[in-house]
Amino acid sequence: MRRTYRKAKPKLEKNFRINYQINAPFVFLISETNEQIGKTPISKAIARAKEFEMDLVEVNPKPKFPVVKIMNYGQFKYEKEKKAHKQKVQQKRVETKGIRLSMRISSHDFNFKINQAIKFLKKENKLKIELILKGRERQHSQKAVEVINNFIIEIEKNKELNLIREQDLTKQGGKFTIVLVNKKN
């Protein structure tokens, strides 16, 4: 049987109804100076908005009388997009960097990977350390744990780092993983 997968629908931003799109006979009007006017027929509210050369925007459609406000809709939309963009820029992404070790790693490779791990942690990335056992290595899982622990001890010798284990050492089949994070004080 064939399976079909659908893409997740993107979140739709809130659309505001403006002017003649508002379909309630009476509305709760807020003036251009943020003064609450109260229950008003929709025709008078639209006429008042046209008088000030502005738009009538439905702010809250839920109550008995929808809440509408007289404002410049183009400027309102622009400021909303600008605010959303600013929040997106300020959002911080934490990347997970991976380092793969082996049972028979040479001292040079070991030191090189320690330097890489320190560099990743200083850039405030998460560090995922993996060690995959192959063939007969699976019989010596305690040696694999020893290699990973030695690696972590060498990283902890760096005084600039404050290591926290986000995920403890786990074994799945012949694969050991641990996730470390550098927490700032």
Protein backbone atom coordinates (compact mmCIF):
# COMPACT_ATOMS: atom_id res chain seq x y z
CA MET A 1 0.00 0.00 0.00
CA ARG A 2 1.37 3.37 -0.98
CA ARG A 3 1.64 6.08 1.64
CA THR A 4 1.30 9.71 0.82
CA TYR A 5 2.76 12.39 3.01
CA ARG A 6 1.50 15.93 3.16
CA LYS A 7 3.56 18.93 4.02
CA ALA A 8 2.68 20.65 7.28
CA LYS A 9 0.59 23.73 6.69
CA PRO A 10 2.41 26.94 7.56
CA LYS A 11 0.95 29.01 10.37
CA LEU A 12 -1.31 31.66 8.97
CA GLU A 13 -0.85 35.10 10.38
CA LYS A 14 -3.87 36.83 11.82
CA ASN A 15 -5.77 38.65 9.11
CA PHE A 16 -7.61 41.76 10.15
CA ARG A 17 -10.89 42.67 8.46
CA ILE A 18 -11.01 46.27 7.33
CA ASN A 19 -13.78 48.70 6.33
CA TYR A 20 -16.52 46.91 4.36
CA GLN A 21 -15.17 43.42 5.19
CA ILE A 22 -16.59 43.82 8.72
CA ASN A 23 -20.04 42.21 8.65
CA ALA A 24 -21.57 43.07 12.05
CA PRO A 25 -24.46 45.58 12.30
CA PHE A 26 -23.02 47.19 15.45
CA VAL A 27 -19.40 47.52 16.60
CA PHE A 28 -17.54 48.77 19.66
CA LEU A 29 -15.59 51.73 18.29
CA ILE A 30 -12.19 53.00 19.44
CA SER A 31 -11.23 56.37 17.92
CA GLU A 32 -7.95 57.35 16.28
CA THR A 33 -6.82 58.87 19.62
CA ASN A 34 -7.48 55.55 21.48
CA GLU A 35 -10.63 56.97 23.05
CA GLN A 36 -13.41 54.42 23.61
CA ILE A 37 -16.56 55.66 21.90
CA GLY A 38 -18.70 52.55 22.48
CA LYS A 39 -21.48 50.77 20.59
CA THR A 40 -21.90 52.33 17.15
CA PRO A 41 -23.61 51.28 13.93
CA ILE A 42 -21.09 50.03 11.36
CA SER A 43 -22.13 52.65 8.79
CA LYS A 44 -21.36 55.55 11.19
CA ALA A 45 -18.04 53.96 12.16
CA ILE A 46 -16.96 53.63 8.51
CA ALA A 47 -18.10 57.20 7.79
CA ARG A 48 -16.04 58.49 10.72
CA ALA A 49 -12.97 56.57 9.49
CA LYS A 50 -13.39 58.03 5.97
CA GLU A 51 -13.73 61.49 7.52
CA PHE A 52 -10.21 61.15 8.99
CA GLU A 53 -8.95 59.45 5.79
CA MET A 54 -8.12 56.28 7.73
CA ASP A 55 -9.31 52.67 7.84
CA LEU A 56 -11.68 50.90 10.20
CA VAL A 57 -9.81 47.80 11.42
CA GLU A 58 -11.44 44.92 13.33
CA VAL A 59 -9.13 44.34 16.32
CA ASN A 60 -11.16 41.67 18.16
CA PRO A 61 -14.01 39.81 16.39
CA LYS A 62 -14.97 37.63 19.40
CA PRO A 63 -17.22 39.78 21.66
CA LYS A 64 -20.93 40.46 21.14
CA PHE A 65 -19.97 43.67 19.35
CA PRO A 66 -16.66 43.32 17.45
CA VAL A 67 -14.02 45.78 18.62
CA VAL A 68 -12.89 48.08 15.80
CA LYS A 69 -10.33 50.85 15.73
CA ILE A 70 -9.75 53.77 13.40
CA MET A 71 -6.15 53.65 12.17
CA ASN A 72 -3.92 53.70 9.10
CA TYR A 73 -3.96 49.99 8.14
CA GLY A 74 -0.90 50.17 5.84
CA GLN A 75 1.24 51.69 8.58
CA PHE A 76 -0.13 49.21 11.15
CA LYS A 77 0.72 46.25 8.90
CA TYR A 78 4.23 47.63 8.21
CA GLU A 79 4.99 48.07 11.91
CA LYS A 80 3.72 44.56 12.66
CA GLU A 81 6.01 43.04 9.99
CA LYS A 82 8.94 45.11 11.24
CA LYS A 83 8.37 43.89 14.80
CA ALA A 84 8.14 40.24 13.65
CA HIS A 85 11.38 40.61 11.68
CA LYS A 86 13.16 42.15 14.67
CA GLN A 87 12.08 39.22 16.89
CA LYS A 88 13.29 36.73 14.29
CA VAL A 89 16.71 38.42 14.11
CA GLN A 90 17.08 38.43 17.90
CA GLN A 91 16.21 34.74 18.13
CA LYS A 92 19.27 32.67 18.95
CA ARG A 93 19.83 29.33 17.27
CA VAL A 94 21.84 26.70 19.10
CA GLU A 95 23.47 24.24 16.78
CA THR A 96 24.50 20.71 17.73
CA LYS A 97 28.00 19.87 16.56
CA GLY A 98 29.14 16.27 16.51
CA ILE A 99 32.46 14.60 17.17
CA ARG A 100 32.94 10.93 16.43
CA LEU A 101 35.57 8.98 18.34
CA SER A 102 36.80 5.42 17.85
CA MET A 103 38.25 2.78 20.16
CA ARG A 104 41.67 2.84 18.44
CA ILE A 105 42.06 6.62 18.14
CA SER A 106 45.65 7.90 17.95
CA SER A 107 46.89 10.52 20.42
CA HIS A 108 47.24 13.16 17.67
CA ASP A 109 43.66 12.63 16.46
CA PHE A 110 42.47 12.59 20.08
CA ASN A 111 44.12 15.98 20.77
CA PHE A 112 42.83 17.42 17.49
CA LYS A 113 39.26 16.41 18.36
CA ILE A 114 39.63 17.90 21.86
CA ASN A 115 40.62 21.24 20.29
CA GLN A 116 37.65 21.04 17.92
CA ALA A 117 35.29 20.25 20.82
CA ILE A 118 36.59 23.21 22.85
CA LYS A 119 36.14 25.49 19.83
CA PHE A 120 32.54 24.31 19.36
CA LEU A 121 31.71 24.77 23.05
CA LYS A 122 33.22 28.28 23.15
CA LYS A 123 30.92 29.26 20.27
CA GLU A 124 28.02 28.16 22.53
CA ASN A 125 27.06 25.17 20.39
CA LYS A 126 25.94 21.87 21.87
CA LEU A 127 28.46 19.06 21.50
CA LYS A 128 27.41 15.50 20.71
CA ILE A 129 30.16 12.94 21.25
CA GLU A 130 29.67 9.58 19.53
CA LEU A 131 31.63 6.36 19.63
CA ILE A 132 30.55 3.50 17.40
CA LEU A 133 31.77 -0.02 18.13
CA LYS A 134 32.47 -2.24 15.14
CA GLY A 135 32.87 -6.00 15.01
CA ARG A 136 34.74 -7.45 17.98
CA GLU A 137 34.95 -4.04 19.65
CA ARG A 138 31.39 -4.65 20.88
CA GLN A 139 32.72 -7.09 23.45
CA HIS A 140 34.75 -4.30 25.11
CA SER A 141 32.09 -1.69 25.82
CA GLN A 142 33.78 -0.70 29.12
CA LYS A 143 36.83 0.43 27.06
CA ALA A 144 34.52 2.65 24.96
CA VAL A 145 33.13 4.28 28.11
CA GLU A 146 36.71 4.84 29.28
CA VAL A 147 37.67 6.57 25.99
CA ILE A 148 34.65 8.91 26.20
CA ASN A 149 35.28 9.72 29.88
CA ASN A 150 38.95 10.50 29.14
CA PHE A 151 37.80 12.79 26.33
CA ILE A 152 35.43 14.65 28.66
CA ILE A 153 38.12 14.95 31.36
CA GLU A 154 40.48 16.53 28.83
CA ILE A 155 37.81 19.05 27.79
CA GLU A 156 37.05 19.92 31.43
CA LYS A 157 40.72 20.87 31.97
CA ASN A 158 39.94 24.06 30.02
CA LYS A 159 39.13 26.66 32.69
CA GLU A 160 37.00 28.83 30.37
CA LEU A 161 34.32 26.15 30.00
CA ASN A 162 31.53 25.30 32.42
CA LEU A 163 30.42 21.90 31.11
CA ILE A 164 27.00 20.48 31.83
CA ARG A 165 25.81 17.10 30.59
CA GLU A 166 22.55 17.74 28.80
CA GLN A 167 22.19 14.06 27.99
CA ASP A 168 24.11 11.43 29.96
CA LEU A 169 26.08 8.67 28.31
CA THR A 170 23.66 6.32 26.56
CA LYS A 171 24.24 3.09 24.68
CA GLN A 172 22.07 2.03 21.74
CA GLY A 173 23.28 -1.16 20.13
CA GLY A 174 26.96 -0.57 19.49
CA LYS A 175 26.76 3.23 19.69
CA PHE A 176 27.58 5.42 22.69
CA THR A 177 26.43 9.06 22.74
CA ILE A 178 26.61 11.96 25.17
CA VAL A 179 25.58 15.61 24.75
CA LEU A 180 27.50 18.42 26.47
CA VAL A 181 26.67 22.13 26.80
CA ASN A 182 28.82 25.06 27.91
CA LYS A 183 26.70 27.05 30.41
CA LYS A 184 27.71 30.63 31.07
CA ASN A 185 27.68 31.81 34.69
